[in-house]
Amino acid sequence: MPSRLSSCLAFTLTIGCAATATVSPPSAPAGADPAINAPFRDAALDVKVWTERFEGESREVYRAREAIVAAIGLEPGMTVADVGTGTGLFVKYLSDAVGPEGRVVAVDIAEAFLTLVRERAAAAGLTNVETRLGTTDSAELPPDSVDVVFVCDTYHHFETPLVMLGSLRSALRSGGRLVIVDYHRIPGKTTEFLMGHVRANQETVIAEIEGAGFHRLPDPPAPILDENYLIIFERP
C-alpha cells in the first residue's frame, strides 16, 4: 500500500497534502470550441474566399504586416515558424527578414492553405520557405528546430492551449521567442463579433503562456496595433 509521502509526491502541482483529502492538479484552461476550426478542416475550403477575408485593408494585421515583422526582431539565418499561416500573408516578409540562409516553416491544419503558400513562394522565388501540416494539438515541428514561433490571430483558435504551447515550447531552441499577435477582448471597445469569437483577453493569454513555462519579454518600444496586441515570450 503506498505511503502518505508517495501519495503527496504524486501531485507535484499541489501545495501540501492532507492525510484524508483527495487532491487533484489544477485543470487546464478551456480552449476554443472545435467549431471555430471546422471551416479549415473542410476539404472543400475555398482559398480565394479566405484570401479576400485575410488580406483586405479592413484587417488591421494586414495593414500593419510590415511593422509587425519589423517588431519581431528577426535576423538573417534564423528559422521562424509561422504557425497558423493561413493564406501565407506574412510568409514573404518573414522570408525577406531571415534571408536566403534562414528558413520559414509555414504551418497550418488546412492542406489547401499550404498548397497556396507553396504556389506563392514558388512564384515569388522564395527558396527558403517550406510547409508543414499541423494539427489542433501540435505544430508538428521537430524539437529544438526553430528560433522564433510566430502566431498571428491564431492563438484564439487553439482548442487545447497548454498542449499546443507544449508543442511550440518543444520546437523552440533554448532562448527562442514566441510571438503572439491576437485580438483584444475589451467590453465596450471590442466589436460584438470578436467578443463572441475570441475566448480570452490579453491578460488570460499571458497567464496561460507563462504557466506553460515561457518568460514574457518587454513589449516593442512603440505600440503598432489597436484592435490587436503583440506580445513576445522567451523559452528559458
C-alpha atoms as a PDB file:
ATOM      1  CA  MET A   1       0.000   0.000   0.000  1.00  0.00           C
ATOM      2  CA  PRO A   2       1.561   3.414  -0.994  1.00  0.00           C
ATOM      3  CA  SER A   3       2.825   5.603   1.823  1.00  0.00           C
ATOM      4  CA  ARG A   4       1.416   9.021   2.551  1.00  0.00           C
ATOM      5  CA  LEU A   5       4.690  10.527   1.266  1.00  0.00           C
ATOM      6  CA  SER A   6       4.408   8.834  -2.112  1.00  0.00           C
ATOM      7  CA  SER A   7       0.807   9.994  -2.403  1.00  0.00           C
ATOM      8  CA  CYS A   8       1.890  13.572  -1.816  1.00  0.00           C
ATOM      9  CA  LEU A   9       4.659  13.376  -4.377  1.00  0.00           C
ATOM     10  CA  ALA A  10       2.196  12.171  -6.990  1.00  0.00           C
ATOM     11  CA  PHE A  11       0.619  15.604  -7.057  1.00  0.00           C
ATOM     12  CA  THR A  12       3.587  17.807  -7.865  1.00  0.00           C
ATOM     13  CA  LEU A  13       1.428  20.773  -8.793  1.00  0.00           C
ATOM     14  CA  THR A  14      -0.414  20.790  -5.443  1.00  0.00           C
ATOM     15  CA  ILE A  15       0.732  22.650  -2.348  1.00  0.00           C
ATOM     16  CA  GLY A  16       0.681  20.302   0.597  1.00  0.00           C
ATOM     17  CA  CYS A  17      -1.128  17.002   1.039  1.00  0.00           C
ATOM     18  CA  ALA A  18      -3.848  16.287   3.566  1.00  0.00           C
ATOM     19  CA  ALA A  19      -3.915  12.851   5.160  1.00  0.00           C
ATOM     20  CA  THR A  20      -7.501  12.169   4.207  1.00  0.00           C
ATOM     21  CA  ALA A  21      -8.301  14.662   1.413  1.00  0.00           C
ATOM     22  CA  THR A  22      -8.285  13.795  -2.262  1.00  0.00           C
ATOM     23  CA  VAL A  23      -6.291  16.438  -4.156  1.00  0.00           C
ATOM     24  CA  SER A  24      -6.293  16.961  -7.926  1.00  0.00           C
ATOM     25  CA  PRO A  25      -3.873  19.018 -10.024  1.00  0.00           C
ATOM     26  CA  PRO A  26      -5.192  22.279 -11.487  1.00  0.00           C
ATOM     27  CA  SER A  27      -7.355  21.833 -14.559  1.00  0.00           C
ATOM     28  CA  ALA A  28      -6.084  23.034 -17.925  1.00  0.00           C
ATOM     29  CA  PRO A  29      -7.695  26.176 -19.349  1.00  0.00           C
ATOM     30  CA  ALA A  30     -10.669  25.590 -21.585  1.00  0.00           C
ATOM     31  CA  GLY A  31      -9.690  26.066 -25.192  1.00  0.00           C
ATOM     32  CA  ALA A  32     -11.569  27.199 -28.259  1.00  0.00           C
ATOM     33  CA  ASP A  33     -14.744  25.474 -29.338  1.00  0.00           C
ATOM     34  CA  PRO A  34     -13.715  22.996 -32.085  1.00  0.00           C
ATOM     35  CA  ALA A  35     -16.420  24.552 -34.274  1.00  0.00           C
ATOM     36  CA  ILE A  36     -14.139  27.558 -34.759  1.00  0.00           C
ATOM     37  CA  ASN A  37     -11.763  25.389 -36.811  1.00  0.00           C
ATOM     38  CA  ALA A  38     -14.417  23.444 -38.718  1.00  0.00           C
ATOM     39  CA  PRO A  39     -14.081  25.566 -41.893  1.00  0.00           C
ATOM     40  CA  PHE A  40     -10.364  24.781 -42.078  1.00  0.00           C
ATOM     41  CA  ARG A  41     -10.969  21.047 -41.744  1.00  0.00           C
ATOM     42  CA  ASP A  42     -13.336  21.150 -44.712  1.00  0.00           C
ATOM     43  CA  ALA A  43     -11.801  19.504 -47.794  1.00  0.00           C
ATOM     44  CA  ALA A  44     -13.789  21.966 -49.916  1.00  0.00           C
ATOM     45  CA  LEU A  45     -12.167  25.026 -48.282  1.00  0.00           C
ATOM     46  CA  ASP A  46     -12.208  27.927 -50.763  1.00  0.00           C
ATOM     47  CA  VAL A  47      -8.823  29.632 -50.530  1.00  0.00           C
ATOM     48  CA  LYS A  48      -9.982  32.542 -52.702  1.00  0.00           C
ATOM     49  CA  VAL A  49     -12.698  33.445 -50.209  1.00  0.00           C
ATOM     50  CA  TRP A  50     -10.295  33.264 -47.284  1.00  0.00           C
ATOM     51  CA  THR A  51      -7.599  35.224 -49.118  1.00  0.00           C
ATOM     52  CA  GLU A  52     -10.060  38.066 -49.630  1.00  0.00           C
ATOM     53  CA  ARG A  53     -11.015  37.855 -45.958  1.00  0.00           C
ATOM     54  CA  PHE A  54      -7.492  37.648 -44.539  1.00  0.00           C
ATOM     55  CA  GLU A  55      -5.773  40.049 -46.918  1.00  0.00           C
ATOM     56  CA  GLY A  56      -8.006  43.071 -47.065  1.00  0.00           C
ATOM     57  CA  GLU A  57      -7.391  46.638 -45.924  1.00  0.00           C
ATOM     58  CA  SER A  58     -10.133  46.269 -43.326  1.00  0.00           C
ATOM     59  CA  ARG A  59      -7.963  43.811 -41.370  1.00  0.00           C
ATOM     60  CA  GLU A  60      -5.543  45.557 -39.033  1.00  0.00           C
ATOM     61  CA  VAL A  61      -2.770  42.961 -39.193  1.00  0.00           C
ATOM     62  CA  TYR A  62      -2.830  43.172 -42.997  1.00  0.00           C
ATOM     63  CA  ARG A  63      -2.324  46.931 -42.905  1.00  0.00           C
ATOM     64  CA  ALA A  64       0.427  46.586 -40.271  1.00  0.00           C
ATOM     65  CA  ARG A  65       2.099  43.451 -41.669  1.00  0.00           C
ATOM     66  CA  GLU A  66       5.483  45.038 -42.351  1.00  0.00           C
ATOM     67  CA  ALA A  67       5.576  46.831 -38.990  1.00  0.00           C
ATOM     68  CA  ILE A  68       4.669  43.600 -37.205  1.00  0.00           C
ATOM     69  CA  VAL A  69       7.512  41.661 -38.816  1.00  0.00           C
ATOM     70  CA  ALA A  70       9.935  44.510 -38.075  1.00  0.00           C
ATOM     71  CA  ALA A  71       8.918  44.400 -34.387  1.00  0.00           C
ATOM     72  CA  ILE A  72       9.727  40.689 -34.089  1.00  0.00           C
ATOM     73  CA  GLY A  73      13.469  41.325 -34.403  1.00  0.00           C
ATOM     74  CA  LEU A  74      14.292  38.554 -36.852  1.00  0.00           C
ATOM     75  CA  GLU A  75      17.882  38.240 -38.019  1.00  0.00           C
ATOM     76  CA  PRO A  76      19.415  36.725 -41.160  1.00  0.00           C
ATOM     77  CA  GLY A  77      19.950  32.990 -40.801  1.00  0.00           C
ATOM     78  CA  MET A  78      17.154  32.428 -38.279  1.00  0.00           C
ATOM     79  CA  THR A  79      14.463  29.785 -38.611  1.00  0.00           C
ATOM     80  CA  VAL A  80      10.952  31.099 -37.990  1.00  0.00           C
ATOM     81  CA  ALA A  81       7.757  29.032 -37.841  1.00  0.00           C
ATOM     82  CA  ASP A  82       4.582  30.808 -38.939  1.00  0.00           C
ATOM     83  CA  VAL A  83       2.030  28.746 -37.016  1.00  0.00           C
ATOM     84  CA  GLY A  84      -1.469  29.218 -38.378  1.00  0.00           C
ATOM     85  CA  THR A  85      -0.081  30.712 -41.560  1.00  0.00           C
ATOM     86  CA  GLY A  86      -3.454  30.653 -43.318  1.00  0.00           C
ATOM     87  CA  THR A  87      -3.033  32.151 -46.779  1.00  0.00           C
ATOM     88  CA  GLY A  88       0.597  32.960 -46.029  1.00  0.00           C
ATOM     89  CA  LEU A  89       0.081  36.675 -45.518  1.00  0.00           C
ATOM     90  CA  PHE A  90       3.340  37.042 -43.584  1.00  0.00           C
ATOM     91  CA  VAL A  91       5.477  34.467 -45.389  1.00  0.00           C
ATOM     92  CA  LYS A  92       7.177  36.831 -47.859  1.00  0.00           C
ATOM     93  CA  TYR A  93       8.022  39.357 -45.143  1.00  0.00           C
ATOM     94  CA  LEU A  94       9.357  36.662 -42.815  1.00  0.00           C
ATOM     95  CA  SER A  95      11.355  35.205 -45.703  1.00  0.00           C
ATOM     96  CA  ASP A  96      12.921  38.561 -46.504  1.00  0.00           C
ATOM     97  CA  ALA A  97      13.774  39.136 -42.833  1.00  0.00           C
ATOM     98  CA  VAL A  98      15.673  35.848 -42.327  1.00  0.00           C
ATOM     99  CA  GLY A  99      17.288  35.960 -45.758  1.00  0.00           C
ATOM    100  CA  PRO A 100      18.369  33.138 -48.045  1.00  0.00           C
ATOM    101  CA  GLU A 101      20.395  31.500 -45.263  1.00  0.00           C
ATOM    102  CA  GLY A 102      17.368  31.449 -42.990  1.00  0.00           C
ATOM    103  CA  ARG A 103      14.224  29.373 -43.156  1.00  0.00           C
ATOM    104  CA  VAL A 104      10.475  29.933 -42.898  1.00  0.00           C
ATOM    105  CA  VAL A 105       8.263  26.997 -41.918  1.00  0.00           C
ATOM    106  CA  ALA A 106       4.615  27.738 -42.688  1.00  0.00           C
ATOM    107  CA  VAL A 107       2.346  25.582 -40.513  1.00  0.00           C
ATOM    108  CA  ASP A 108      -1.399  25.118 -40.839  1.00  0.00           C
ATOM    109  CA  ILE A 109      -4.094  22.494 -40.308  1.00  0.00           C
ATOM    110  CA  ALA A 110      -5.525  23.139 -43.802  1.00  0.00           C
ATOM    111  CA  GLU A 111      -3.653  21.471 -46.658  1.00  0.00           C
ATOM    112  CA  ALA A 112      -5.355  23.845 -49.115  1.00  0.00           C
ATOM    113  CA  PHE A 113      -3.687  26.804 -47.404  1.00  0.00           C
ATOM    114  CA  LEU A 114      -0.303  25.093 -47.521  1.00  0.00           C
ATOM    115  CA  THR A 115      -0.718  24.401 -51.233  1.00  0.00           C
ATOM    116  CA  LEU A 116      -1.416  28.101 -51.755  1.00  0.00           C
ATOM    117  CA  VAL A 117       1.665  29.062 -49.719  1.00  0.00           C
ATOM    118  CA  ARG A 118       3.875  26.758 -51.789  1.00  0.00           C
ATOM    119  CA  GLU A 119       2.491  28.191 -55.026  1.00  0.00           C
ATOM    120  CA  ARG A 120       3.011  31.763 -53.882  1.00  0.00           C
ATOM    121  CA  ALA A 121       6.529  31.070 -52.620  1.00  0.00           C
ATOM    122  CA  ALA A 122       7.499  29.446 -55.910  1.00  0.00           C
ATOM    123  CA  ALA A 123       6.036  32.344 -57.917  1.00  0.00           C
ATOM    124  CA  ALA A 124       7.986  34.844 -55.798  1.00  0.00           C
ATOM    125  CA  GLY A 125      11.215  32.834 -55.965  1.00  0.00           C
ATOM    126  CA  LEU A 126      11.316  32.273 -52.208  1.00  0.00           C
ATOM    127  CA  THR A 127      13.639  29.297 -51.838  1.00  0.00           C
ATOM    128  CA  ASN A 128      13.765  29.374 -48.032  1.00  0.00           C
ATOM    129  CA  VAL A 129      10.086  28.536 -47.442  1.00  0.00           C
ATOM    130  CA  GLU A 130       8.699  25.124 -46.554  1.00  0.00           C
ATOM    131  CA  THR A 131       5.305  23.981 -45.312  1.00  0.00           C
ATOM    132  CA  ARG A 132       4.181  21.587 -42.623  1.00  0.00           C
ATOM    133  CA  LEU A 133       0.739  20.170 -41.895  1.00  0.00           C
ATOM    134  CA  GLY A 134      -0.049  20.628 -38.222  1.00  0.00           C
ATOM    135  CA  THR A 135      -2.929  19.539 -36.027  1.00  0.00           C
ATOM    136  CA  THR A 136      -5.060  21.361 -33.488  1.00  0.00           C
ATOM    137  CA  ASP A 137      -2.807  19.903 -30.764  1.00  0.00           C
ATOM    138  CA  SER A 138       0.629  20.194 -32.358  1.00  0.00           C
ATOM    139  CA  ALA A 139       2.614  22.257 -34.828  1.00  0.00           C
ATOM    140  CA  GLU A 140       4.372  19.015 -35.789  1.00  0.00           C
ATOM    141  CA  LEU A 141       7.782  20.678 -35.618  1.00  0.00           C
ATOM    142  CA  PRO A 142      10.916  18.759 -34.565  1.00  0.00           C
ATOM    143  CA  PRO A 143      12.338  19.550 -31.108  1.00  0.00           C
ATOM    144  CA  ASP A 144      14.815  22.444 -30.886  1.00  0.00           C
ATOM    145  CA  SER A 145      14.344  23.277 -34.560  1.00  0.00           C
ATOM    146  CA  VAL A 146      13.265  26.943 -34.674  1.00  0.00           C
ATOM    147  CA  ASP A 147      14.423  30.280 -33.289  1.00  0.00           C
ATOM    148  CA  VAL A 148      11.075  32.081 -33.413  1.00  0.00           C
ATOM    149  CA  VAL A 149       7.469  30.891 -33.421  1.00  0.00           C
ATOM    150  CA  PHE A 150       5.084  33.480 -34.871  1.00  0.00           C
ATOM    151  CA  VAL A 151       1.367  33.073 -34.101  1.00  0.00           C
ATOM    152  CA  CYS A 152      -0.847  35.770 -35.607  1.00  0.00           C
ATOM    153  CA  ASP A 153      -4.595  35.817 -34.902  1.00  0.00           C
ATOM    154  CA  THR A 154      -4.397  32.082 -34.282  1.00  0.00           C
ATOM    155  CA  TYR A 155      -3.997  31.713 -30.513  1.00  0.00           C
ATOM    156  CA  HIS A 156      -7.748  32.069 -30.055  1.00  0.00           C
ATOM    157  CA  HIS A 157      -8.136  29.027 -32.330  1.00  0.00           C
ATOM    158  CA  PHE A 158      -6.133  26.748 -30.004  1.00  0.00           C
ATOM    159  CA  GLU A 159      -8.523  24.049 -28.798  1.00  0.00           C
ATOM    160  CA  THR A 160      -6.074  22.726 -26.181  1.00  0.00           C
ATOM    161  CA  PRO A 161      -3.867  25.730 -25.333  1.00  0.00           C
ATOM    162  CA  LEU A 162      -1.468  24.031 -22.905  1.00  0.00           C
ATOM    163  CA  VAL A 163      -0.929  21.058 -25.210  1.00  0.00           C
ATOM    164  CA  MET A 164      -0.239  23.306 -28.200  1.00  0.00           C
ATOM    165  CA  LEU A 165       2.021  25.551 -26.129  1.00  0.00           C
ATOM    166  CA  GLY A 166       3.960  22.464 -25.083  1.00  0.00           C
ATOM    167  CA  SER A 167       4.418  21.637 -28.761  1.00  0.00           C
ATOM    168  CA  LEU A 168       5.668  25.147 -29.503  1.00  0.00           C
ATOM    169  CA  ARG A 169       7.979  25.186 -26.486  1.00  0.00           C
ATOM    170  CA  SER A 170       9.495  21.886 -27.573  1.00  0.00           C
ATOM    171  CA  ALA A 171      10.061  23.193 -31.112  1.00  0.00           C
ATOM    172  CA  LEU A 172      11.892  26.297 -29.888  1.00  0.00           C
ATOM    173  CA  ARG A 173      15.585  26.292 -29.223  1.00  0.00           C
ATOM    174  CA  SER A 174      16.717  27.489 -25.802  1.00  0.00           C
ATOM    175  CA  GLY A 175      16.340  31.266 -25.740  1.00  0.00           C
ATOM    176  CA  GLY A 176      13.944  31.135 -28.688  1.00  0.00           C
ATOM    177  CA  ARG A 177      11.000  33.522 -28.850  1.00  0.00           C
ATOM    178  CA  LEU A 178       7.264  33.014 -29.092  1.00  0.00           C
ATOM    179  CA  VAL A 179       5.468  35.959 -30.704  1.00  0.00           C
ATOM    180  CA  ILE A 180       1.721  36.273 -30.221  1.00  0.00           C
ATOM    181  CA  VAL A 181      -0.484  38.685 -32.135  1.00  0.00           C
ATOM    182  CA  ASP A 182      -4.156  38.395 -31.314  1.00  0.00           C
ATOM    183  CA  TYR A 183      -7.328  40.364 -30.871  1.00  0.00           C
ATOM    184  CA  HIS A 184      -8.092  42.416 -27.797  1.00  0.00           C
ATOM    185  CA  ARG A 185     -11.219  41.366 -25.955  1.00  0.00           C
ATOM    186  CA  ILE A 186     -12.318  44.509 -24.158  1.00  0.00           C
ATOM    187  CA  PRO A 187     -16.001  45.027 -23.306  1.00  0.00           C
ATOM    188  CA  GLY A 188     -17.234  48.294 -24.734  1.00  0.00           C
ATOM    189  CA  LYS A 189     -14.353  48.558 -27.198  1.00  0.00           C
ATOM    190  CA  THR A 190     -14.080  45.233 -28.976  1.00  0.00           C
ATOM    191  CA  THR A 191     -16.721  44.525 -31.608  1.00  0.00           C
ATOM    192  CA  GLU A 192     -19.615  42.262 -30.707  1.00  0.00           C
ATOM    193  CA  PHE A 193     -18.420  39.673 -33.238  1.00  0.00           C
ATOM    194  CA  LEU A 194     -14.923  39.471 -31.737  1.00  0.00           C
ATOM    195  CA  MET A 195     -16.298  39.329 -28.192  1.00  0.00           C
ATOM    196  CA  GLY A 196     -18.085  36.143 -29.221  1.00  0.00           C
ATOM    197  CA  HIS A 197     -15.295  34.841 -31.464  1.00  0.00           C
ATOM    198  CA  VAL A 198     -12.283  35.304 -29.181  1.00  0.00           C
ATOM    199  CA  ARG A 199     -12.360  33.254 -25.980  1.00  0.00           C
ATOM    200  CA  ALA A 200      -9.793  35.065 -23.796  1.00  0.00           C
ATOM    201  CA  ASN A 201      -8.488  38.556 -23.151  1.00  0.00           C
ATOM    202  CA  GLN A 202      -4.822  39.549 -23.242  1.00  0.00           C
ATOM    203  CA  GLU A 203      -4.274  39.052 -19.511  1.00  0.00           C
ATOM    204  CA  THR A 204      -5.606  35.493 -19.684  1.00  0.00           C
ATOM    205  CA  VAL A 205      -3.415  34.691 -22.691  1.00  0.00           C
ATOM    206  CA  ILE A 206      -0.333  35.978 -20.884  1.00  0.00           C
ATOM    207  CA  ALA A 207      -1.146  33.903 -17.794  1.00  0.00           C
ATOM    208  CA  GLU A 208      -1.616  30.765 -19.882  1.00  0.00           C
ATOM    209  CA  ILE A 209       1.641  31.206 -21.764  1.00  0.00           C
ATOM    210  CA  GLU A 210       3.640  31.991 -18.639  1.00  0.00           C
ATOM    211  CA  GLY A 211       2.017  28.978 -16.990  1.00  0.00           C
ATOM    212  CA  ALA A 212       3.367  26.868 -19.864  1.00  0.00           C
ATOM    213  CA  GLY A 213       6.934  27.818 -18.957  1.00  0.00           C
ATOM    214  CA  PHE A 214       7.607  30.930 -21.037  1.00  0.00           C
ATOM    215  CA  HIS A 215       9.006  34.244 -19.792  1.00  0.00           C
ATOM    216  CA  ARG A 216       7.455  37.448 -21.093  1.00  0.00           C
ATOM    217  CA  LEU A 217       9.844  39.907 -22.741  1.00  0.00           C
ATOM    218  CA  PRO A 218       9.419  43.706 -22.945  1.00  0.00           C
ATOM    219  CA  ASP A 219       6.906  44.953 -25.469  1.00  0.00           C
ATOM    220  CA  PRO A 220       8.103  46.730 -28.637  1.00  0.00           C
ATOM    221  CA  PRO A 221       9.011  50.363 -27.861  1.00  0.00           C
ATOM    222  CA  ALA A 222       6.012  51.838 -29.669  1.00  0.00           C
ATOM    223  CA  PRO A 223       2.542  50.310 -29.984  1.00  0.00           C
ATOM    224  CA  ILE A 224       1.780  49.429 -33.597  1.00  0.00           C
ATOM    225  CA  LEU A 225      -1.668  47.919 -33.162  1.00  0.00           C
ATOM    226  CA  ASP A 226      -5.021  48.971 -31.753  1.00  0.00           C
ATOM    227  CA  GLU A 227      -7.526  46.191 -32.424  1.00  0.00           C
ATOM    228  CA  ASN A 228      -4.816  43.609 -31.743  1.00  0.00           C
ATOM    229  CA  TYR A 229      -1.898  43.287 -29.332  1.00  0.00           C
ATOM    230  CA  LEU A 230       1.645  41.973 -29.858  1.00  0.00           C
ATOM    231  CA  ILE A 231       3.448  40.209 -27.021  1.00  0.00           C
ATOM    232  CA  ILE A 232       6.744  38.348 -27.042  1.00  0.00           C
ATOM    233  CA  PHE A 233       7.886  35.493 -24.803  1.00  0.00           C
ATOM    234  CA  GLU A 234      11.130  33.588 -24.432  1.00  0.00           C
ATOM    235  CA  ARG A 235      11.738  29.909 -23.875  1.00  0.00           C
ATOM    236  CA  PRO A 236      14.225  29.723 -20.978  1.00  0.00           C
END
